[in-house]
N, C-alpha and C. Protein backbone atom coordinates (compact mmCIF):
# COMPACT_ATOMS: atom_id res chain seq x y z
N UNK A 1 4.63 -14.58 7.11
CA UNK A 1 3.65 -14.05 8.09
C UNK A 1 3.64 -12.52 8.14
N UNK A 2 2.42 -12.05 8.44
CA UNK A 2 2.41 -10.52 8.81
C UNK A 2 2.90 -10.32 10.13
N UNK A 3 3.39 -9.08 10.36
CA UNK A 3 3.84 -8.77 11.71
C UNK A 3 2.50 -8.68 12.58
N UNK A 4 1.43 -8.31 12.16
CA UNK A 4 0.21 -8.35 12.93
C UNK A 4 -0.29 -9.76 13.34
N UNK A 5 0.02 -10.78 12.54
CA UNK A 5 -0.31 -11.96 13.02
C UNK A 5 0.70 -12.56 14.17
N UNK A 6 1.85 -12.16 13.91
CA UNK A 6 2.94 -12.53 14.92
C UNK A 6 2.59 -11.97 16.22
N UNK A 7 2.14 -10.73 16.21
CA UNK A 7 1.88 -10.09 17.54
C UNK A 7 0.40 -10.52 18.16
N UNK A 8 -0.37 -11.11 17.38
CA UNK A 8 -1.73 -11.50 18.01
C UNK A 8 -2.01 -13.05 18.06
N UNK A 9 -1.19 -13.92 17.41
CA UNK A 9 -1.56 -15.26 17.34
C UNK A 9 -0.57 -16.09 18.38
N UNK A 10 -1.01 -16.32 19.42
CA UNK A 10 -0.23 -17.04 20.49
C UNK A 10 -0.02 -18.53 20.17
N UNK A 11 -0.99 -19.20 19.45
CA UNK A 11 -0.85 -20.48 18.97
C UNK A 11 0.32 -20.62 18.12
N UNK A 12 0.41 -19.73 17.06
CA UNK A 12 1.58 -19.57 16.21
C UNK A 12 2.73 -19.54 16.85
N UNK A 13 2.95 -18.71 17.74
CA UNK A 13 4.16 -18.50 18.66
C UNK A 13 4.56 -19.82 19.37
N UNK A 14 3.45 -20.56 19.79
CA UNK A 14 3.65 -21.88 20.46
C UNK A 14 4.20 -22.88 19.58
N UNK A 15 3.56 -22.88 18.41
CA UNK A 15 3.97 -23.93 17.33
C UNK A 15 5.36 -23.72 16.79
N UNK A 16 5.78 -22.52 16.59
CA UNK A 16 7.12 -22.30 16.21
C UNK A 16 8.01 -22.46 17.24
N UNK A 17 7.76 -22.23 18.41
CA UNK A 17 8.61 -22.59 19.51
C UNK A 17 8.95 -24.11 19.80
N UNK A 18 7.84 -24.83 19.47
CA UNK A 18 8.02 -26.32 19.54
C UNK A 18 8.98 -26.95 18.41
N UNK A 19 9.02 -26.21 17.27
CA UNK A 19 9.96 -26.64 16.12
C UNK A 19 11.12 -25.75 16.00
N UNK A 20 11.51 -24.88 16.94
CA UNK A 20 12.44 -23.92 16.90
C UNK A 20 13.80 -24.45 16.34
N UNK A 21 14.16 -25.74 16.66
CA UNK A 21 15.46 -26.24 16.21
C UNK A 21 15.46 -26.49 14.76
N UNK A 22 14.31 -26.53 14.06
CA UNK A 22 14.27 -26.83 12.72
C UNK A 22 14.34 -25.46 11.90
N UNK A 23 14.10 -24.34 12.53
CA UNK A 23 14.06 -22.97 11.94
C UNK A 23 15.51 -22.51 11.82
N UNK A 24 16.05 -22.38 10.52
CA UNK A 24 17.46 -22.10 10.32
C UNK A 24 17.63 -20.59 9.79
N UNK A 25 16.56 -19.95 9.29
CA UNK A 25 16.68 -18.68 8.78
C UNK A 25 15.33 -17.87 8.98
N UNK A 26 15.38 -16.77 9.41
CA UNK A 26 14.18 -15.85 9.53
C UNK A 26 14.51 -14.62 8.57
N UNK A 27 13.53 -14.41 7.66
CA UNK A 27 13.70 -13.23 6.73
C UNK A 27 12.62 -12.15 7.06
N UNK A 28 13.16 -11.02 7.25
CA UNK A 28 12.22 -9.79 7.37
C UNK A 28 12.33 -8.92 6.22
N UNK A 29 11.16 -8.96 5.40
CA UNK A 29 11.19 -8.15 4.25
C UNK A 29 10.66 -6.80 4.57
N UNK A 30 11.12 -5.75 3.85
CA UNK A 30 10.68 -4.33 4.11
C UNK A 30 11.08 -4.03 5.51
N UNK A 31 12.40 -4.41 5.90
CA UNK A 31 12.88 -4.15 7.23
C UNK A 31 12.85 -2.74 7.73
N UNK A 32 12.74 -1.86 6.74
CA UNK A 32 12.78 -0.43 7.36
C UNK A 32 11.56 -0.04 7.97
N UNK A 33 10.42 -0.77 7.87
CA UNK A 33 9.07 -0.53 8.45
C UNK A 33 9.37 -0.70 10.06
N UNK A 34 10.37 -1.47 10.58
CA UNK A 34 10.52 -1.65 11.88
C UNK A 34 10.87 -0.21 12.49
N UNK A 35 11.70 0.63 11.87
CA UNK A 35 12.20 1.80 12.45
C UNK A 35 11.44 3.11 11.87
N UNK A 36 11.04 3.10 10.55
CA UNK A 36 10.36 4.19 9.82
C UNK A 36 8.81 4.22 10.09
N UNK A 37 8.21 2.99 9.97
CA UNK A 37 6.78 2.93 10.11
C UNK A 37 6.28 2.37 11.38
N UNK A 38 7.16 1.62 12.08
CA UNK A 38 6.68 0.96 13.19
C UNK A 38 5.88 1.71 14.26
N UNK A 39 6.34 2.79 14.66
CA UNK A 39 5.68 3.57 15.67
C UNK A 39 4.22 3.98 15.44
N UNK A 40 3.87 4.30 14.13
CA UNK A 40 2.49 4.73 13.94
C UNK A 40 1.78 3.80 12.86
N UNK A 41 2.30 3.69 11.77
CA UNK A 41 1.51 3.03 10.70
C UNK A 41 1.29 1.48 10.92
N UNK A 42 2.47 0.75 11.23
CA UNK A 42 2.42 -0.60 11.42
C UNK A 42 3.15 -0.99 12.62
N UNK A 43 2.59 -0.70 13.85
CA UNK A 43 3.19 -0.87 15.06
C UNK A 43 3.71 -2.16 15.34
N UNK A 44 3.03 -3.29 14.83
CA UNK A 44 3.51 -4.68 15.09
C UNK A 44 4.82 -5.02 14.48
N UNK A 45 5.29 -4.17 13.47
CA UNK A 45 6.71 -4.33 13.08
C UNK A 45 7.72 -4.31 14.18
N UNK A 46 7.45 -3.41 15.11
CA UNK A 46 8.44 -3.26 16.33
C UNK A 46 8.37 -4.45 17.10
N UNK A 47 7.34 -5.30 17.03
CA UNK A 47 7.30 -6.51 17.99
C UNK A 47 7.95 -7.69 17.45
N UNK A 48 8.54 -7.57 16.26
CA UNK A 48 9.19 -8.82 15.67
C UNK A 48 10.35 -9.21 16.48
N UNK A 49 11.31 -8.38 17.14
CA UNK A 49 12.35 -8.88 17.84
C UNK A 49 12.01 -9.52 19.09
N UNK A 50 10.87 -8.98 19.77
CA UNK A 50 10.30 -9.72 21.02
C UNK A 50 9.69 -11.03 20.63
N UNK A 51 8.92 -10.96 19.49
CA UNK A 51 8.34 -12.34 19.12
C UNK A 51 9.40 -13.35 18.94
N UNK A 52 10.56 -12.98 18.25
CA UNK A 52 11.60 -14.01 18.08
C UNK A 52 12.28 -14.43 19.48
N UNK A 53 12.36 -13.49 20.38
CA UNK A 53 12.89 -13.83 21.81
C UNK A 53 11.88 -14.98 22.39
N UNK A 54 10.58 -14.74 22.24
CA UNK A 54 9.78 -15.58 22.76
C UNK A 54 9.66 -17.00 22.10
N UNK A 55 9.77 -16.92 20.95
CA UNK A 55 9.88 -18.18 20.10
C UNK A 55 11.10 -19.08 20.46
N UNK A 56 12.20 -18.40 20.56
CA UNK A 56 13.50 -19.05 20.82
C UNK A 56 13.90 -18.95 22.28
N UNK A 57 12.94 -18.57 23.11
CA UNK A 57 13.10 -18.51 24.54
C UNK A 57 14.27 -17.83 24.96
N UNK A 58 14.55 -16.59 24.35
CA UNK A 58 15.74 -15.90 24.80
C UNK A 58 17.03 -16.53 24.35
N UNK A 59 17.05 -17.57 23.70
CA UNK A 59 18.38 -18.32 23.43
C UNK A 59 18.83 -17.82 22.07
N UNK A 60 19.50 -18.88 21.40
CA UNK A 60 20.10 -18.59 20.05
C UNK A 60 19.10 -18.38 19.02
N UNK A 61 18.99 -17.23 18.42
CA UNK A 61 18.15 -17.03 17.25
C UNK A 61 18.68 -17.76 16.15
N UNK A 62 17.89 -18.09 15.10
CA UNK A 62 18.58 -18.45 13.86
C UNK A 62 19.12 -17.29 12.98
N UNK A 63 19.72 -17.40 11.94
CA UNK A 63 20.21 -16.41 11.19
C UNK A 63 19.06 -15.49 10.73
N UNK A 64 19.31 -14.15 10.85
CA UNK A 64 18.36 -13.21 10.35
C UNK A 64 18.82 -12.42 9.05
N UNK A 65 17.89 -12.43 8.20
CA UNK A 65 18.19 -11.77 6.89
C UNK A 65 17.11 -10.63 6.75
N UNK A 66 17.61 -9.35 6.92
CA UNK A 66 16.60 -8.29 6.76
C UNK A 66 16.75 -7.56 5.42
N UNK A 67 15.80 -7.43 4.67
CA UNK A 67 15.91 -6.86 3.26
C UNK A 67 15.11 -5.49 3.14
N UNK A 68 15.63 -4.54 2.51
CA UNK A 68 15.07 -3.33 2.37
C UNK A 68 15.85 -2.52 1.34
N UNK A 69 15.15 -1.53 0.66
CA UNK A 69 15.87 -0.65 -0.32
C UNK A 69 15.89 0.71 0.19
N UNK A 70 15.40 0.98 1.47
CA UNK A 70 15.18 2.32 1.93
C UNK A 70 15.57 2.61 3.45
N UNK A 71 16.87 2.47 3.60
CA UNK A 71 17.25 2.65 4.95
C UNK A 71 18.38 3.71 5.09
N UNK A 72 18.12 4.59 6.08
CA UNK A 72 19.27 5.61 6.36
C UNK A 72 20.24 4.92 7.35
N UNK A 73 21.41 5.55 7.53
CA UNK A 73 22.46 4.90 8.43
C UNK A 73 21.74 4.80 9.91
N UNK A 74 21.01 5.71 10.32
CA UNK A 74 20.52 5.63 11.74
C UNK A 74 19.44 4.33 11.82
N UNK A 75 18.74 4.20 10.78
CA UNK A 75 17.78 3.04 10.82
C UNK A 75 18.64 1.64 10.69
N UNK A 76 19.69 1.69 9.99
CA UNK A 76 20.47 0.51 9.84
C UNK A 76 21.06 0.21 11.20
N UNK A 77 21.64 1.11 11.86
CA UNK A 77 22.04 0.95 13.28
C UNK A 77 21.02 0.26 14.28
N UNK A 78 19.80 0.77 14.14
CA UNK A 78 18.69 0.41 14.98
C UNK A 78 18.36 -1.07 14.64
N UNK A 79 18.24 -1.38 13.41
CA UNK A 79 17.99 -2.77 13.11
C UNK A 79 19.07 -3.72 13.42
N UNK A 80 20.30 -3.26 13.29
CA UNK A 80 21.36 -4.12 13.71
C UNK A 80 21.33 -4.33 15.21
N UNK A 81 20.91 -3.32 16.00
CA UNK A 81 20.71 -3.50 17.44
C UNK A 81 19.72 -4.46 17.75
N UNK A 82 18.46 -4.20 17.17
CA UNK A 82 17.25 -4.98 17.42
C UNK A 82 17.40 -6.50 17.11
N UNK A 83 18.23 -6.79 16.04
CA UNK A 83 18.32 -8.14 15.61
C UNK A 83 19.62 -8.80 15.92
N UNK A 84 20.48 -8.07 16.72
CA UNK A 84 21.82 -8.49 17.03
C UNK A 84 22.63 -8.96 15.78
N UNK A 85 22.64 -7.91 14.71
CA UNK A 85 23.21 -8.16 13.56
C UNK A 85 24.57 -7.39 13.48
N UNK A 86 25.69 -8.10 13.23
CA UNK A 86 27.02 -7.45 13.15
C UNK A 86 27.01 -6.47 12.10
N UNK A 87 27.34 -5.14 12.39
CA UNK A 87 27.26 -4.03 11.31
C UNK A 87 28.14 -4.38 10.19
N UNK A 88 29.19 -5.36 10.50
CA UNK A 88 30.14 -5.71 9.37
C UNK A 88 29.29 -6.60 8.35
N UNK A 89 28.19 -7.04 8.79
CA UNK A 89 27.37 -8.04 7.88
C UNK A 89 26.39 -7.29 7.18
N UNK A 90 26.34 -6.04 7.08
CA UNK A 90 25.39 -5.29 6.32
C UNK A 90 25.97 -5.12 4.77
N UNK A 91 25.00 -5.56 3.96
CA UNK A 91 25.51 -5.57 2.51
C UNK A 91 24.75 -4.54 1.78
N UNK A 92 25.49 -3.60 1.10
CA UNK A 92 24.86 -2.57 0.38
C UNK A 92 25.17 -2.76 -1.20
N UNK A 93 24.21 -2.61 -2.06
CA UNK A 93 24.44 -2.71 -3.43
C UNK A 93 24.26 -1.39 -4.09
N UNK A 94 25.42 -1.03 -4.87
CA UNK A 94 25.30 0.30 -5.43
C UNK A 94 24.19 0.37 -6.62
N UNK A 95 23.88 -0.74 -7.04
CA UNK A 95 22.91 -0.81 -8.16
C UNK A 95 21.61 -0.34 -7.64
N UNK A 96 21.33 -0.22 -6.45
CA UNK A 96 20.13 0.23 -5.94
C UNK A 96 19.84 1.90 -5.91
N UNK A 97 21.02 2.49 -6.33
CA UNK A 97 21.02 3.93 -6.55
C UNK A 97 20.38 4.24 -7.90
N UNK A 98 19.42 5.12 -7.85
CA UNK A 98 18.73 5.27 -9.21
C UNK A 98 19.11 6.67 -9.67
N UNK A 99 20.25 6.67 -10.53
CA UNK A 99 20.79 7.86 -11.01
C UNK A 99 19.92 8.73 -11.99
N UNK A 100 18.92 8.05 -12.61
CA UNK A 100 18.11 8.75 -13.54
C UNK A 100 16.88 9.55 -12.82
N UNK A 101 16.89 9.54 -11.53
CA UNK A 101 15.76 10.16 -10.81
C UNK A 101 16.23 11.67 -10.71
N UNK A 102 15.33 12.47 -11.04
CA UNK A 102 15.49 13.95 -10.98
C UNK A 102 14.64 14.54 -9.83
N UNK A 103 15.27 15.23 -8.88
CA UNK A 103 14.66 15.86 -7.72
C UNK A 103 14.72 17.38 -7.92
N UNK A 104 13.57 18.02 -7.84
CA UNK A 104 13.76 19.53 -7.78
C UNK A 104 12.86 20.08 -6.55
N UNK A 105 13.40 21.15 -6.04
CA UNK A 105 12.78 21.77 -4.84
C UNK A 105 12.39 23.18 -5.31
N UNK A 106 11.17 23.59 -4.99
CA UNK A 106 10.66 24.77 -5.37
C UNK A 106 10.14 25.49 -3.99
N UNK A 107 10.72 26.59 -3.81
CA UNK A 107 10.33 27.28 -2.60
C UNK A 107 8.95 28.14 -2.96
N UNK A 108 8.03 28.13 -2.09
CA UNK A 108 6.67 28.95 -2.35
C UNK A 108 6.42 29.86 -1.31
N UNK A 109 5.70 30.95 -1.54
CA UNK A 109 5.35 31.80 -0.44
C UNK A 109 4.21 31.37 0.40
N UNK A 110 3.41 30.55 -0.09
CA UNK A 110 2.09 30.13 0.67
C UNK A 110 1.59 28.85 0.09
N UNK A 111 0.65 28.31 0.74
CA UNK A 111 -0.05 27.03 0.24
C UNK A 111 -0.80 27.22 -0.94
N UNK A 112 -1.38 28.40 -1.15
CA UNK A 112 -2.12 28.68 -2.37
C UNK A 112 -1.09 28.60 -3.74
N UNK A 113 0.04 29.17 -3.47
CA UNK A 113 1.09 29.06 -4.61
C UNK A 113 1.40 27.59 -4.79
N UNK A 114 1.64 26.78 -3.77
CA UNK A 114 1.89 25.35 -3.89
C UNK A 114 0.84 24.69 -4.62
N UNK A 115 -0.49 25.03 -4.25
CA UNK A 115 -1.66 24.33 -4.89
C UNK A 115 -1.61 24.71 -6.45
N UNK A 116 -1.33 26.03 -6.81
CA UNK A 116 -1.31 26.42 -8.17
C UNK A 116 -0.20 25.65 -8.96
N UNK A 117 0.93 25.36 -8.42
CA UNK A 117 1.99 24.68 -8.97
C UNK A 117 1.62 23.20 -9.23
N UNK A 118 1.00 22.56 -8.16
CA UNK A 118 0.56 21.22 -8.26
C UNK A 118 -0.43 21.07 -9.47
N UNK A 119 -1.47 21.84 -9.47
CA UNK A 119 -2.51 21.62 -10.53
C UNK A 119 -1.79 21.88 -11.88
N UNK A 120 -0.98 22.89 -12.03
CA UNK A 120 -0.19 23.12 -13.40
C UNK A 120 0.60 21.83 -13.78
N UNK A 121 1.36 21.31 -12.67
CA UNK A 121 2.21 20.23 -12.99
C UNK A 121 1.49 18.96 -13.45
N UNK A 122 0.24 18.75 -12.78
CA UNK A 122 -0.66 17.67 -13.15
C UNK A 122 -1.16 17.88 -14.69
N UNK A 123 -1.46 19.14 -14.91
CA UNK A 123 -2.13 19.42 -16.16
C UNK A 123 -0.96 19.24 -17.34
N UNK A 124 0.31 19.68 -16.98
CA UNK A 124 1.42 19.55 -18.01
C UNK A 124 1.71 18.05 -18.15
N UNK A 125 1.45 17.18 -17.24
CA UNK A 125 1.73 15.77 -17.27
C UNK A 125 0.44 14.83 -17.31
N UNK A 126 -0.56 15.38 -17.91
CA UNK A 126 -1.96 14.66 -17.77
C UNK A 126 -1.97 13.34 -18.30
N UNK A 127 -1.12 13.05 -19.24
CA UNK A 127 -1.05 11.61 -19.89
C UNK A 127 -0.20 10.66 -19.19
N UNK A 128 0.47 11.19 -18.12
CA UNK A 128 1.49 10.31 -17.52
C UNK A 128 0.97 9.85 -16.05
N UNK A 129 1.59 8.82 -15.58
CA UNK A 129 1.21 8.28 -14.24
C UNK A 129 1.90 9.11 -13.18
N UNK A 130 1.27 9.67 -12.31
CA UNK A 130 1.84 10.48 -11.24
C UNK A 130 1.31 10.11 -9.95
N UNK A 131 2.33 10.16 -8.95
CA UNK A 131 2.07 9.67 -7.54
C UNK A 131 2.38 10.90 -6.70
N UNK A 132 1.53 11.29 -5.92
CA UNK A 132 1.64 12.41 -5.01
C UNK A 132 1.41 12.08 -3.47
N UNK A 133 2.51 12.30 -2.88
CA UNK A 133 2.50 11.97 -1.31
C UNK A 133 2.00 13.10 -0.46
N UNK A 134 1.20 12.77 0.50
CA UNK A 134 0.80 13.73 1.35
C UNK A 134 0.74 13.18 2.70
N UNK A 135 0.63 14.01 3.83
CA UNK A 135 0.78 13.56 5.17
C UNK A 135 -0.44 13.39 5.90
N UNK A 136 -1.63 13.47 5.19
CA UNK A 136 -2.91 13.36 5.95
C UNK A 136 -3.86 12.70 5.07
N UNK A 137 -4.77 11.97 5.64
CA UNK A 137 -5.91 11.17 5.08
C UNK A 137 -7.10 12.10 4.78
N UNK A 138 -7.50 12.98 5.61
CA UNK A 138 -8.81 13.65 5.65
C UNK A 138 -8.43 15.29 5.86
N UNK A 139 -9.36 15.92 5.54
CA UNK A 139 -9.30 17.42 5.70
C UNK A 139 -8.73 18.11 4.58
N UNK A 140 -8.45 19.49 4.92
CA UNK A 140 -7.99 20.34 3.71
C UNK A 140 -6.56 19.85 3.27
N UNK A 141 -6.35 19.79 1.91
CA UNK A 141 -5.09 19.40 1.36
C UNK A 141 -4.67 17.94 1.74
N UNK A 142 -5.71 17.10 1.89
CA UNK A 142 -5.40 15.66 2.23
C UNK A 142 -5.52 14.76 0.90
N UNK A 143 -5.30 13.54 1.00
CA UNK A 143 -5.39 12.60 -0.02
C UNK A 143 -6.72 12.59 -0.55
N UNK A 144 -7.80 12.67 0.44
CA UNK A 144 -9.04 12.57 0.11
C UNK A 144 -9.67 13.76 -0.60
N UNK A 145 -9.31 14.94 -0.04
CA UNK A 145 -9.96 16.21 -0.76
C UNK A 145 -9.23 16.54 -2.03
N UNK A 146 -7.85 16.27 -2.14
CA UNK A 146 -7.28 16.51 -3.46
C UNK A 146 -7.58 15.61 -4.47
N UNK A 147 -7.94 14.27 -4.13
CA UNK A 147 -8.33 13.36 -5.18
C UNK A 147 -9.67 13.72 -5.66
N UNK A 148 -10.52 14.16 -4.76
CA UNK A 148 -11.90 14.59 -5.24
C UNK A 148 -11.87 15.72 -6.15
N UNK A 149 -10.96 16.77 -5.79
CA UNK A 149 -10.71 17.98 -6.65
C UNK A 149 -10.14 17.57 -7.95
N UNK A 150 -9.20 16.55 -7.96
CA UNK A 150 -8.62 16.09 -9.38
C UNK A 150 -9.70 15.50 -10.25
N UNK A 151 -10.55 14.59 -9.63
CA UNK A 151 -11.72 13.94 -10.36
C UNK A 151 -12.57 14.98 -10.90
N UNK A 152 -12.84 15.98 -10.10
CA UNK A 152 -13.63 17.13 -10.59
C UNK A 152 -13.02 17.84 -11.69
N UNK A 153 -11.73 17.98 -11.79
CA UNK A 153 -11.10 18.53 -12.85
C UNK A 153 -10.90 17.69 -14.08
N UNK A 154 -11.46 16.42 -14.06
CA UNK A 154 -11.25 15.45 -15.16
C UNK A 154 -10.20 14.57 -15.21
N UNK A 155 -9.39 14.50 -14.09
CA UNK A 155 -8.29 13.55 -13.98
C UNK A 155 -8.83 12.23 -13.57
N UNK A 156 -8.11 11.17 -14.06
CA UNK A 156 -8.44 9.85 -13.46
C UNK A 156 -7.62 9.64 -12.25
N UNK A 157 -8.28 9.94 -11.21
CA UNK A 157 -7.45 9.91 -9.89
C UNK A 157 -8.21 9.21 -8.80
N UNK A 158 -7.38 8.93 -7.76
CA UNK A 158 -7.89 8.11 -6.45
C UNK A 158 -7.00 8.49 -5.38
N UNK A 159 -7.52 8.17 -4.15
CA UNK A 159 -6.73 8.37 -3.01
C UNK A 159 -6.43 7.04 -2.39
N UNK A 160 -5.30 6.97 -1.60
CA UNK A 160 -4.73 5.76 -1.15
C UNK A 160 -4.14 5.99 0.24
N UNK A 161 -4.63 5.40 1.28
CA UNK A 161 -4.13 5.56 2.73
C UNK A 161 -4.34 4.19 3.32
N UNK A 162 -3.70 4.05 4.55
CA UNK A 162 -3.69 2.75 5.42
C UNK A 162 -5.06 2.42 5.96
N UNK A 163 -6.00 3.24 5.96
CA UNK A 163 -7.27 2.96 6.46
C UNK A 163 -8.30 2.32 5.47
N UNK A 164 -7.77 2.37 4.24
CA UNK A 164 -8.65 1.59 3.27
C UNK A 164 -8.67 0.18 3.39
N UNK A 165 -9.75 -0.59 2.99
CA UNK A 165 -9.71 -2.06 3.06
C UNK A 165 -8.68 -2.57 2.06
N UNK A 166 -8.33 -3.76 2.37
CA UNK A 166 -7.44 -4.49 1.43
C UNK A 166 -7.95 -4.53 0.00
N UNK A 167 -9.12 -4.82 -0.03
CA UNK A 167 -9.82 -4.86 -1.49
C UNK A 167 -9.69 -3.48 -2.25
N UNK A 168 -10.00 -2.46 -1.39
CA UNK A 168 -9.93 -1.12 -2.00
C UNK A 168 -8.51 -0.88 -2.41
N UNK A 169 -7.49 -1.14 -1.62
CA UNK A 169 -6.13 -0.85 -1.80
C UNK A 169 -5.76 -1.65 -3.16
N UNK A 170 -6.01 -2.95 -3.20
CA UNK A 170 -5.73 -3.68 -4.34
C UNK A 170 -6.28 -3.20 -5.65
N UNK A 171 -7.56 -2.75 -5.61
CA UNK A 171 -8.21 -2.17 -6.70
C UNK A 171 -7.60 -0.99 -7.25
N UNK A 172 -7.21 -0.01 -6.39
CA UNK A 172 -6.47 1.17 -6.78
C UNK A 172 -5.13 0.76 -7.39
N UNK A 173 -4.28 -0.29 -6.79
CA UNK A 173 -3.03 -0.63 -7.29
C UNK A 173 -3.28 -1.18 -8.74
N UNK A 174 -4.11 -2.01 -8.98
CA UNK A 174 -4.38 -2.65 -10.22
C UNK A 174 -4.86 -1.56 -11.29
N UNK A 175 -5.72 -0.67 -10.81
CA UNK A 175 -6.21 0.25 -11.73
C UNK A 175 -4.97 1.38 -12.24
N UNK A 176 -4.19 1.48 -11.16
CA UNK A 176 -2.99 2.43 -11.48
C UNK A 176 -2.05 1.72 -12.52
N UNK A 177 -1.80 0.45 -12.17
CA UNK A 177 -0.97 -0.31 -12.93
C UNK A 177 -1.34 -0.38 -14.54
N UNK A 178 -2.65 -0.70 -14.62
CA UNK A 178 -3.23 -0.76 -16.00
C UNK A 178 -3.33 0.58 -16.72
N UNK A 179 -3.39 1.56 -16.03
CA UNK A 179 -3.62 2.96 -16.73
C UNK A 179 -4.85 3.55 -16.50
N UNK A 180 -5.77 2.73 -15.96
CA UNK A 180 -7.15 3.28 -15.71
C UNK A 180 -7.12 4.49 -14.73
N UNK A 181 -6.33 4.43 -13.79
CA UNK A 181 -6.01 5.73 -13.04
C UNK A 181 -4.65 6.21 -13.45
N UNK A 182 -4.60 7.58 -13.57
CA UNK A 182 -3.50 8.20 -13.82
C UNK A 182 -2.72 8.95 -12.73
N UNK A 183 -3.43 9.39 -11.72
CA UNK A 183 -2.98 10.11 -10.41
C UNK A 183 -3.46 9.45 -9.24
N UNK A 184 -2.49 9.16 -8.34
CA UNK A 184 -2.84 8.64 -7.08
C UNK A 184 -2.32 9.57 -5.98
N UNK A 185 -3.17 10.09 -5.03
CA UNK A 185 -2.67 10.83 -4.01
C UNK A 185 -2.63 9.90 -2.78
N UNK A 186 -1.62 9.81 -2.21
CA UNK A 186 -1.33 8.69 -1.18
C UNK A 186 -0.49 9.18 -0.05
N UNK A 187 -0.72 8.45 1.07
CA UNK A 187 0.06 8.69 2.31
C UNK A 187 1.29 7.65 2.03
N UNK A 188 2.20 7.46 2.97
CA UNK A 188 3.29 6.74 2.92
C UNK A 188 2.82 5.17 2.92
N UNK A 189 1.55 4.90 3.07
CA UNK A 189 1.03 3.55 2.98
C UNK A 189 1.16 3.08 1.67
N UNK A 190 1.37 3.83 0.54
CA UNK A 190 1.47 3.40 -0.89
C UNK A 190 3.03 3.33 -1.04
N UNK A 191 3.46 2.18 -1.37
CA UNK A 191 4.95 2.04 -1.62
C UNK A 191 5.40 0.60 -1.33
N UNK A 192 5.09 0.09 -0.17
CA UNK A 192 5.55 -1.27 0.17
C UNK A 192 5.06 -2.28 -0.78
N UNK A 193 6.08 -2.91 -1.36
CA UNK A 193 5.74 -4.04 -2.29
C UNK A 193 5.13 -3.77 -3.55
N UNK A 194 5.12 -2.48 -3.87
CA UNK A 194 4.33 -1.96 -5.17
C UNK A 194 5.37 -1.75 -6.18
N UNK A 195 5.27 -2.36 -7.39
CA UNK A 195 6.30 -2.34 -8.46
C UNK A 195 5.55 -1.81 -9.70
N UNK A 196 5.48 -0.50 -9.99
CA UNK A 196 4.82 -0.01 -11.19
C UNK A 196 5.90 0.80 -11.85
N UNK A 197 6.69 0.23 -12.84
CA UNK A 197 7.83 0.86 -13.33
C UNK A 197 7.46 2.08 -14.33
N UNK A 198 6.28 2.42 -14.71
CA UNK A 198 6.05 3.55 -15.64
C UNK A 198 5.45 4.76 -14.83
N UNK A 199 5.58 4.80 -13.53
CA UNK A 199 5.35 6.03 -12.83
C UNK A 199 6.39 7.05 -13.19
N UNK A 200 5.95 8.22 -13.74
CA UNK A 200 6.84 9.25 -14.25
C UNK A 200 7.13 10.36 -13.29
N UNK A 201 6.26 10.58 -12.37
CA UNK A 201 6.41 11.75 -11.39
C UNK A 201 5.82 11.53 -10.12
């Protein structure tokens, strides 16, 4: 189920409540969305604990399994509290650490210098798949404006944000996977459930 359906479908809540004794496990995939994205991008994620309380009438919840690859200690603590998970039952796998990732930080004097570095990096890696995260959908230096500039410069580029339709998002993901797109300018909406192993930067 999507969190949005949980938050808006009272009949679903009624049906699950009627069969609650048969529900032995609840799995929350991408559990980091509850703390990291819940307040703004997907607010219904924060409603999952209340939904479970309603279904199970504040009584004994079934076992909860929360899955994620991107939680900081503060978020782990919040999720343990929200779902009454014993912190001793948090399992971490060292194989999730990606040692081959290389992070570099460049200090710049101003936004114009940052822009010049961005376009040079894209030019230097023109044949590779590149994903660029930004914090705004529209306006100056947004996913929309930069993707339009990239297309004008001859890049196979697109923008990706939470306000696109499901069909538009799927089309961009498929085109990026296939190599038809080489550069995607995205908000944090791009990432959940997406597995494209050959993104190089």
